[in-house]
Amino acid sequence: MRAPAWLLAACFALVALQAVAATRSVEGVVTRVSDGDSLWLAPASGGAPLEVRLQDIDAPEICQPWGPESRDALQEKVAKRTVRAEVSGMDAHGRALATLYLDDLNLNQWLVKEGQAWSDRFKHDRGRYVAEERMAKALERGFNALGGAVMPRDFRRDHGPCAP
């Protein structure tokens, strides 16, 4: 009995994702920035482009206030540039979870420091970049200058996801 084509495709995709998850460091060129915490990377070693979700941060949704500005800040910094993604795993949407570096600059940290993203939280843990977030707020950087900036998870809860 022959397996359906969709099952074979799913198996190949899973093997590819596992290979990426096992890879510790991926160097490549940023081909597209989706939003303030997601982008596409063309690996220098070749192969299919890799969708990357920046780990430990949460940027505004593209359809919420400051979403386009957050995307633009990341795009200005990395578009068509060679970066290094330190991949730690995969998220529920099949994206590589990574800390992104431009030379020695930790871009995840930089985005929070510039008020373009929040330090990602879980229950009582304020996240890896809480000090940078507090400094950005105190200095009114990025979305902090607006006053009343809404965290993406609260925005999604109140408004649902952005339309595709």
N, C-alpha and C. Protein backbone atom coordinates (compact mmCIF):
# COMPACT_ATOMS: atom_id res chain seq x y z
N MET A 1 0.85 -1.18 0.00
CA MET A 1 0.00 0.00 0.00
C MET A 1 0.89 1.24 0.00
N ARG A 2 0.59 2.17 -0.84
CA ARG A 2 1.36 3.39 -0.99
C ARG A 2 0.77 4.51 -0.12
N ALA A 3 1.65 5.25 0.56
CA ALA A 3 1.20 6.35 1.42
C ALA A 3 0.72 7.52 0.57
N PRO A 4 -0.31 8.24 1.04
CA PRO A 4 -0.78 9.41 0.29
C PRO A 4 0.33 10.47 0.19
N ALA A 5 0.28 11.26 -0.87
CA ALA A 5 1.31 12.27 -1.11
C ALA A 5 1.40 13.28 0.03
N TRP A 6 0.25 13.67 0.61
CA TRP A 6 0.27 14.64 1.69
C TRP A 6 1.00 14.10 2.91
N LEU A 7 0.88 12.78 3.16
CA LEU A 7 1.55 12.17 4.30
C LEU A 7 3.06 12.16 4.08
N LEU A 8 3.48 11.83 2.87
CA LEU A 8 4.90 11.85 2.56
C LEU A 8 5.47 13.26 2.70
N ALA A 9 4.73 14.25 2.19
CA ALA A 9 5.18 15.64 2.29
C ALA A 9 5.31 16.06 3.75
N ALA A 10 4.33 15.67 4.57
CA ALA A 10 4.37 16.01 5.99
C ALA A 10 5.57 15.36 6.68
N CYS A 11 5.86 14.12 6.31
CA CYS A 11 7.02 13.42 6.89
C CYS A 11 8.32 14.10 6.51
N PHE A 12 8.45 14.47 5.23
CA PHE A 12 9.66 15.17 4.80
C PHE A 12 9.80 16.51 5.51
N ALA A 13 8.69 17.22 5.68
CA ALA A 13 8.73 18.51 6.37
C ALA A 13 9.16 18.32 7.82
N LEU A 14 8.65 17.28 8.47
CA LEU A 14 9.01 17.02 9.86
C LEU A 14 10.49 16.71 9.99
N VAL A 15 11.01 15.91 9.07
CA VAL A 15 12.44 15.58 9.10
C VAL A 15 13.27 16.85 8.91
N ALA A 16 12.84 17.72 7.98
CA ALA A 16 13.55 18.97 7.74
C ALA A 16 13.52 19.86 8.98
N LEU A 17 12.35 19.95 9.63
CA LEU A 17 12.23 20.77 10.84
C LEU A 17 13.09 20.23 11.97
N GLN A 18 13.14 18.92 12.09
CA GLN A 18 13.97 18.32 13.14
C GLN A 18 15.44 18.60 12.87
N ALA A 19 15.83 18.59 11.60
CA ALA A 19 17.22 18.88 11.25
C ALA A 19 17.56 20.32 11.62
N VAL A 20 16.64 21.23 11.35
CA VAL A 20 16.86 22.64 11.69
C VAL A 20 16.93 22.80 13.20
N ALA A 21 16.01 22.14 13.91
CA ALA A 21 15.98 22.26 15.37
C ALA A 21 17.27 21.73 15.98
N ALA A 22 17.86 20.70 15.37
CA ALA A 22 19.10 20.13 15.88
C ALA A 22 20.29 21.04 15.56
N THR A 23 20.15 21.87 14.54
CA THR A 23 21.22 22.79 14.17
C THR A 23 21.30 23.89 15.21
N ARG A 24 22.45 24.11 15.70
CA ARG A 24 22.64 25.10 16.75
C ARG A 24 22.74 26.52 16.19
N SER A 25 23.47 26.68 15.11
CA SER A 25 23.71 28.00 14.56
C SER A 25 23.48 27.99 13.05
N VAL A 26 22.69 28.93 12.55
CA VAL A 26 22.42 29.03 11.12
C VAL A 26 22.78 30.44 10.68
N GLU A 27 23.69 30.53 9.73
CA GLU A 27 24.05 31.82 9.17
C GLU A 27 23.36 31.96 7.83
N GLY A 28 22.88 33.16 7.54
CA GLY A 28 22.22 33.37 6.27
C GLY A 28 21.82 34.82 6.07
N VAL A 29 21.18 35.07 4.94
CA VAL A 29 20.75 36.42 4.57
C VAL A 29 19.26 36.55 4.84
N VAL A 30 18.88 37.65 5.47
CA VAL A 30 17.47 37.93 5.73
C VAL A 30 16.82 38.35 4.41
N THR A 31 15.81 37.59 3.98
CA THR A 31 15.15 37.88 2.71
C THR A 31 13.84 38.63 2.88
N ARG A 32 13.23 38.50 4.05
CA ARG A 32 11.96 39.18 4.30
C ARG A 32 11.74 39.31 5.80
N VAL A 33 11.18 40.45 6.20
CA VAL A 33 10.79 40.66 7.59
C VAL A 33 9.27 40.70 7.62
N SER A 34 8.66 39.76 8.32
CA SER A 34 7.20 39.66 8.38
C SER A 34 6.61 40.67 9.35
N ASP A 35 7.22 40.76 10.53
CA ASP A 35 6.79 41.70 11.56
C ASP A 35 7.97 41.93 12.49
N GLY A 36 7.73 42.54 13.64
CA GLY A 36 8.83 42.90 14.53
C GLY A 36 9.52 41.75 15.22
N ASP A 37 9.00 40.54 15.10
CA ASP A 37 9.67 39.39 15.72
C ASP A 37 9.69 38.15 14.83
N SER A 38 9.46 38.30 13.54
CA SER A 38 9.47 37.16 12.61
C SER A 38 10.10 37.58 11.29
N LEU A 39 10.90 36.67 10.73
CA LEU A 39 11.55 36.96 9.46
C LEU A 39 11.89 35.66 8.73
N TRP A 40 12.35 35.81 7.51
CA TRP A 40 12.77 34.68 6.67
C TRP A 40 14.26 34.81 6.43
N LEU A 41 14.94 33.67 6.54
CA LEU A 41 16.39 33.62 6.41
C LEU A 41 16.76 32.60 5.34
N ALA A 42 17.57 33.02 4.37
CA ALA A 42 18.10 32.10 3.36
C ALA A 42 19.44 31.59 3.88
N PRO A 43 19.50 30.31 4.28
CA PRO A 43 20.74 29.78 4.86
C PRO A 43 21.91 29.87 3.88
N ALA A 44 23.07 30.29 4.38
CA ALA A 44 24.28 30.39 3.55
C ALA A 44 24.68 29.02 3.02
N SER A 45 24.32 27.97 3.75
CA SER A 45 24.67 26.61 3.35
C SER A 45 23.75 26.08 2.25
N GLY A 46 22.76 26.87 1.87
CA GLY A 46 21.80 26.46 0.84
C GLY A 46 20.57 25.84 1.47
N GLY A 47 19.66 25.45 0.63
CA GLY A 47 18.43 24.85 1.11
C GLY A 47 17.29 25.85 1.16
N ALA A 48 16.18 25.37 1.65
CA ALA A 48 14.95 26.17 1.70
C ALA A 48 15.09 27.32 2.70
N PRO A 49 14.44 28.46 2.40
CA PRO A 49 14.42 29.56 3.37
C PRO A 49 13.82 29.08 4.70
N LEU A 50 14.28 29.67 5.76
CA LEU A 50 13.88 29.29 7.11
C LEU A 50 13.07 30.42 7.72
N GLU A 51 11.86 30.09 8.19
CA GLU A 51 11.05 31.09 8.90
C GLU A 51 11.51 31.11 10.35
N VAL A 52 11.87 32.29 10.83
CA VAL A 52 12.44 32.44 12.17
C VAL A 52 11.53 33.31 13.02
N ARG A 53 11.28 32.87 14.23
CA ARG A 53 10.55 33.64 15.25
C ARG A 53 11.56 33.99 16.32
N LEU A 54 11.74 35.29 16.57
CA LEU A 54 12.73 35.72 17.55
C LEU A 54 12.28 35.33 18.95
N GLN A 55 13.16 34.63 19.62
CA GLN A 55 12.85 34.04 20.93
C GLN A 55 12.94 35.07 22.05
N ASP A 56 12.11 34.89 23.05
CA ASP A 56 12.12 35.67 24.29
C ASP A 56 11.64 37.11 24.13
N ILE A 57 11.03 37.44 22.97
CA ILE A 57 10.46 38.77 22.79
C ILE A 57 9.08 38.65 22.17
N ASP A 58 8.31 39.72 22.25
CA ASP A 58 6.99 39.77 21.61
C ASP A 58 6.79 41.19 21.08
N ALA A 59 6.76 41.32 19.76
CA ALA A 59 6.60 42.63 19.13
C ALA A 59 5.13 42.86 18.84
N PRO A 60 4.74 44.13 18.67
CA PRO A 60 3.33 44.42 18.35
C PRO A 60 2.88 43.68 17.08
N GLU A 61 1.63 43.27 17.08
CA GLU A 61 1.05 42.66 15.89
C GLU A 61 1.09 43.69 14.76
N ILE A 62 1.20 43.25 13.54
CA ILE A 62 1.34 44.16 12.41
C ILE A 62 0.12 45.06 12.26
N CYS A 63 -1.05 44.62 12.73
CA CYS A 63 -2.28 45.41 12.60
C CYS A 63 -2.59 46.26 13.84
N GLN A 64 -1.71 46.24 14.82
CA GLN A 64 -1.96 47.06 16.00
C GLN A 64 -1.05 48.28 15.97
N PRO A 65 -1.38 49.31 16.77
CA PRO A 65 -0.52 50.48 16.80
C PRO A 65 0.93 50.08 17.07
N TRP A 66 1.84 50.67 16.31
CA TRP A 66 3.28 50.48 16.35
C TRP A 66 3.72 49.17 15.71
N GLY A 67 2.83 48.34 15.22
CA GLY A 67 3.22 47.11 14.53
C GLY A 67 4.07 47.37 13.30
N PRO A 68 3.62 48.24 12.38
CA PRO A 68 4.45 48.53 11.20
C PRO A 68 5.80 49.17 11.56
N GLU A 69 5.81 50.03 12.57
CA GLU A 69 7.06 50.67 12.98
C GLU A 69 8.05 49.65 13.54
N SER A 70 7.54 48.69 14.29
CA SER A 70 8.39 47.64 14.84
C SER A 70 8.98 46.79 13.71
N ARG A 71 8.14 46.41 12.75
CA ARG A 71 8.62 45.65 11.59
C ARG A 71 9.67 46.46 10.84
N ASP A 72 9.41 47.73 10.61
CA ASP A 72 10.33 48.58 9.86
C ASP A 72 11.68 48.73 10.57
N ALA A 73 11.66 48.81 11.89
CA ALA A 73 12.91 48.93 12.65
C ALA A 73 13.78 47.69 12.45
N LEU A 74 13.15 46.51 12.52
CA LEU A 74 13.89 45.27 12.31
C LEU A 74 14.36 45.18 10.86
N GLN A 75 13.48 45.54 9.94
CA GLN A 75 13.83 45.45 8.51
C GLN A 75 15.00 46.37 8.18
N GLU A 76 14.98 47.58 8.71
CA GLU A 76 16.06 48.52 8.45
C GLU A 76 17.40 47.98 8.95
N LYS A 77 17.34 47.23 10.04
CA LYS A 77 18.57 46.72 10.65
C LYS A 77 19.12 45.49 9.92
N VAL A 78 18.23 44.62 9.37
CA VAL A 78 18.71 43.31 8.89
C VAL A 78 18.42 42.97 7.43
N ALA A 79 17.56 43.71 6.73
CA ALA A 79 17.17 43.33 5.37
C ALA A 79 18.38 43.17 4.47
N LYS A 80 18.43 42.00 3.81
CA LYS A 80 19.49 41.66 2.86
C LYS A 80 20.88 41.62 3.50
N ARG A 81 20.92 41.47 4.81
CA ARG A 81 22.20 41.37 5.52
C ARG A 81 22.39 39.96 6.03
N THR A 82 23.65 39.61 6.22
CA THR A 82 23.98 38.30 6.77
C THR A 82 23.90 38.36 8.28
N VAL A 83 23.14 37.42 8.85
CA VAL A 83 22.96 37.33 10.30
C VAL A 83 23.21 35.89 10.73
N ARG A 84 23.29 35.71 12.03
CA ARG A 84 23.44 34.38 12.62
C ARG A 84 22.25 34.13 13.53
N ALA A 85 21.57 33.02 13.31
CA ALA A 85 20.44 32.64 14.15
C ALA A 85 20.88 31.48 15.05
N GLU A 86 20.82 31.69 16.35
CA GLU A 86 21.10 30.62 17.31
C GLU A 86 19.76 29.96 17.61
N VAL A 87 19.53 28.84 16.97
CA VAL A 87 18.24 28.16 17.02
C VAL A 87 18.19 27.26 18.25
N SER A 88 17.09 27.39 19.01
CA SER A 88 16.93 26.56 20.21
C SER A 88 15.81 25.55 20.08
N GLY A 89 14.98 25.66 19.04
CA GLY A 89 13.87 24.73 18.86
C GLY A 89 12.89 25.28 17.84
N MET A 90 11.70 24.73 17.86
CA MET A 90 10.64 25.13 16.94
C MET A 90 9.43 25.56 17.75
N ASP A 91 8.65 26.51 17.21
CA ASP A 91 7.42 26.89 17.88
C ASP A 91 6.25 26.07 17.34
N ALA A 92 5.07 26.32 17.86
CA ALA A 92 3.88 25.54 17.48
C ALA A 92 3.48 25.76 16.02
N HIS A 93 4.00 26.81 15.39
CA HIS A 93 3.66 27.12 14.00
C HIS A 93 4.74 26.64 13.04
N GLY A 94 5.72 25.89 13.54
CA GLY A 94 6.77 25.35 12.68
C GLY A 94 7.91 26.31 12.38
N ARG A 95 7.97 27.43 13.10
CA ARG A 95 9.05 28.39 12.89
C ARG A 95 10.21 28.06 13.81
N ALA A 96 11.42 28.34 13.34
CA ALA A 96 12.60 28.16 14.18
C ALA A 96 12.62 29.25 15.24
N LEU A 97 12.77 28.88 16.49
CA LEU A 97 12.92 29.84 17.59
C LEU A 97 14.39 30.16 17.73
N ALA A 98 14.72 31.45 17.67
CA ALA A 98 16.15 31.78 17.66
C ALA A 98 16.43 33.14 18.27
N THR A 99 17.66 33.26 18.73
CA THR A 99 18.23 34.55 19.07
C THR A 99 19.03 34.94 17.84
N LEU A 100 18.80 36.15 17.35
CA LEU A 100 19.39 36.60 16.09
C LEU A 100 20.53 37.58 16.37
N TYR A 101 21.64 37.40 15.66
CA TYR A 101 22.80 38.26 15.84
C TYR A 101 23.21 38.89 14.51
N LEU A 102 23.50 40.17 14.57
CA LEU A 102 24.11 40.91 13.47
C LEU A 102 25.50 41.25 13.99
N ASP A 103 26.50 40.57 13.45
CA ASP A 103 27.84 40.62 14.03
C ASP A 103 27.71 40.17 15.49
N ASP A 104 28.05 41.03 16.45
CA ASP A 104 27.94 40.65 17.87
C ASP A 104 26.70 41.23 18.54
N LEU A 105 25.86 41.95 17.78
CA LEU A 105 24.67 42.58 18.34
C LEU A 105 23.53 41.58 18.45
N ASN A 106 23.04 41.36 19.68
CA ASN A 106 21.88 40.51 19.92
C ASN A 106 20.65 41.34 19.52
N LEU A 107 20.05 40.99 18.38
CA LEU A 107 18.94 41.77 17.86
C LEU A 107 17.67 41.62 18.68
N ASN A 108 17.45 40.48 19.29
CA ASN A 108 16.29 40.30 20.16
C ASN A 108 16.36 41.33 21.29
N GLN A 109 17.51 41.40 21.93
CA GLN A 109 17.72 42.34 23.02
C GLN A 109 17.62 43.78 22.52
N TRP A 110 18.20 44.05 21.37
CA TRP A 110 18.18 45.40 20.79
C TRP A 110 16.75 45.88 20.55
N LEU A 111 15.88 45.00 20.03
CA LEU A 111 14.50 45.38 19.76
C LEU A 111 13.77 45.79 21.04
N VAL A 112 14.01 45.08 22.13
CA VAL A 112 13.38 45.43 23.41
C VAL A 112 13.97 46.74 23.93
N LYS A 113 15.28 46.87 23.84
CA LYS A 113 15.97 48.07 24.32
C LYS A 113 15.50 49.33 23.59
N GLU A 114 15.14 49.18 22.31
CA GLU A 114 14.69 50.31 21.50
C GLU A 114 13.18 50.55 21.58
N GLY A 115 12.47 49.74 22.39
CA GLY A 115 11.02 49.92 22.52
C GLY A 115 10.26 49.44 21.31
N GLN A 116 10.79 48.42 20.63
CA GLN A 116 10.14 47.85 19.46
C GLN A 116 9.49 46.50 19.79
N ALA A 117 9.77 45.98 20.99
CA ALA A 117 9.21 44.69 21.43
C ALA A 117 9.26 44.64 22.95
N TRP A 118 8.49 43.72 23.50
CA TRP A 118 8.49 43.47 24.94
C TRP A 118 9.31 42.23 25.23
N SER A 119 9.80 42.15 26.44
CA SER A 119 10.41 40.91 26.92
C SER A 119 9.26 39.92 27.10
N ASP A 120 9.39 38.74 26.52
CA ASP A 120 8.32 37.74 26.57
C ASP A 120 8.14 37.24 27.99
N ARG A 121 6.89 37.09 28.40
CA ARG A 121 6.55 36.71 29.77
C ARG A 121 5.91 35.34 29.82
N PHE A 122 6.06 34.71 30.98
CA PHE A 122 5.35 33.48 31.25
C PHE A 122 5.01 33.47 32.73
N LYS A 123 3.72 33.56 33.00
CA LYS A 123 3.21 33.63 34.38
C LYS A 123 3.91 34.75 35.14
N HIS A 124 4.71 34.41 36.17
CA HIS A 124 5.35 35.43 37.00
C HIS A 124 6.75 35.81 36.52
N ASP A 125 7.24 35.13 35.50
CA ASP A 125 8.56 35.42 34.94
C ASP A 125 8.44 36.60 33.97
N ARG A 126 9.13 37.68 34.22
CA ARG A 126 9.04 38.89 33.39
C ARG A 126 9.88 38.78 32.13
N GLY A 127 10.63 37.71 31.99
CA GLY A 127 11.37 37.47 30.76
C GLY A 127 12.84 37.84 30.82
N ARG A 128 13.53 37.39 29.81
CA ARG A 128 14.98 37.51 29.73
C ARG A 128 15.45 38.97 29.59
N TYR A 129 14.63 39.80 28.95
CA TYR A 129 15.04 41.17 28.66
C TYR A 129 14.25 42.20 29.46
N VAL A 130 13.89 41.87 30.67
CA VAL A 130 13.07 42.76 31.48
C VAL A 130 13.82 44.06 31.81
N ALA A 131 15.12 44.00 32.04
CA ALA A 131 15.88 45.22 32.35
C ALA A 131 15.87 46.17 31.15
N GLU A 132 16.02 45.63 29.96
CA GLU A 132 16.00 46.45 28.74
C GLU A 132 14.61 47.04 28.52
N GLU A 133 13.58 46.25 28.83
CA GLU A 133 12.20 46.74 28.69
C GLU A 133 11.94 47.90 29.65
N ARG A 134 12.38 47.77 30.87
CA ARG A 134 12.18 48.84 31.86
C ARG A 134 12.91 50.11 31.45
N MET A 135 14.12 49.96 30.90
CA MET A 135 14.89 51.11 30.46
C MET A 135 14.19 51.79 29.28
N ALA A 136 13.71 51.01 28.32
CA ALA A 136 13.00 51.58 27.16
C ALA A 136 11.76 52.34 27.61
N LYS A 137 11.08 51.80 28.60
CA LYS A 137 9.88 52.47 29.12
C LYS A 137 10.25 53.77 29.82
N ALA A 138 11.29 53.72 30.64
CA ALA A 138 11.72 54.92 31.37
C ALA A 138 12.18 56.02 30.41
N LEU A 139 12.81 55.63 29.31
CA LEU A 139 13.32 56.60 28.34
C LEU A 139 12.30 56.91 27.24
N GLU A 140 11.11 56.29 27.33
CA GLU A 140 10.04 56.48 26.36
C GLU A 140 10.49 56.22 24.93
N ARG A 141 11.19 55.10 24.76
CA ARG A 141 11.66 54.71 23.43
C ARG A 141 10.56 53.93 22.70
N GLY A 142 10.52 54.08 21.38
CA GLY A 142 9.62 53.29 20.55
C GLY A 142 8.17 53.47 20.96
N PHE A 143 7.46 52.33 21.08
CA PHE A 143 6.03 52.40 21.42
C PHE A 143 5.77 52.96 22.81
N ASN A 144 6.78 53.01 23.65
CA ASN A 144 6.62 53.58 24.99
C ASN A 144 6.36 55.09 24.95
N ALA A 145 6.71 55.74 23.85
CA ALA A 145 6.46 57.17 23.70
C ALA A 145 4.97 57.45 23.51
N LEU A 146 4.22 56.45 23.04
CA LEU A 146 2.79 56.63 22.79
C LEU A 146 1.98 56.71 24.07
N GLY A 147 2.41 55.98 25.08
CA GLY A 147 1.60 55.82 26.28
C GLY A 147 0.46 54.86 25.99
N GLY A 148 0.22 53.94 26.88
CA GLY A 148 -0.88 53.00 26.71
C GLY A 148 -0.63 51.90 25.70
N ALA A 149 0.63 51.62 25.38
CA ALA A 149 0.94 50.53 24.44
C ALA A 149 0.40 49.21 25.01
N VAL A 150 -0.20 48.41 24.14
CA VAL A 150 -0.85 47.16 24.54
C VAL A 150 -0.01 45.98 24.10
N MET A 151 0.27 45.08 25.03
CA MET A 151 1.04 43.89 24.69
C MET A 151 0.28 43.06 23.65
N PRO A 152 1.01 42.42 22.73
CA PRO A 152 0.37 41.67 21.65
C PRO A 152 -0.62 40.60 22.12
N ARG A 153 -0.31 39.89 23.17
CA ARG A 153 -1.25 38.84 23.62
C ARG A 153 -2.56 39.46 24.09
N ASP A 154 -2.50 40.63 24.72
CA ASP A 154 -3.71 41.32 25.15
C ASP A 154 -4.47 41.87 23.94
N PHE A 155 -3.74 42.36 22.96
CA PHE A 155 -4.36 42.85 21.72
C PHE A 155 -5.09 41.70 21.02
N ARG A 156 -4.44 40.53 20.90
CA ARG A 156 -5.06 39.36 20.24
C ARG A 156 -6.29 38.90 21.02
N ARG A 157 -6.21 38.94 22.34
CA ARG A 157 -7.34 38.53 23.19
C ARG A 157 -8.55 39.44 22.93
N ASP A 158 -8.30 40.74 22.81
CA ASP A 158 -9.38 41.71 22.65
C ASP A 158 -9.86 41.87 21.21
N HIS A 159 -8.97 41.66 20.23
CA HIS A 159 -9.31 41.93 18.83
C HIS A 159 -9.18 40.73 17.90
N GLY A 160 -8.64 39.63 18.40
CA GLY A 160 -8.39 38.48 17.54
C GLY A 160 -7.12 38.69 16.74
N PRO A 161 -6.76 37.70 15.93
CA PRO A 161 -5.53 37.82 15.14
C PRO A 161 -5.70 38.81 13.99
N CYS A 162 -4.59 39.31 13.50
CA CYS A 162 -4.63 40.20 12.32
C CYS A 162 -5.12 39.39 11.12
N ALA A 163 -5.86 40.06 10.24
CA ALA A 163 -6.32 39.41 9.01
C ALA A 163 -5.11 39.15 8.12
N PRO A 164 -5.10 38.01 7.42
CA PRO A 164 -3.95 37.69 6.55
C PRO A 164 -3.80 38.63 5.38
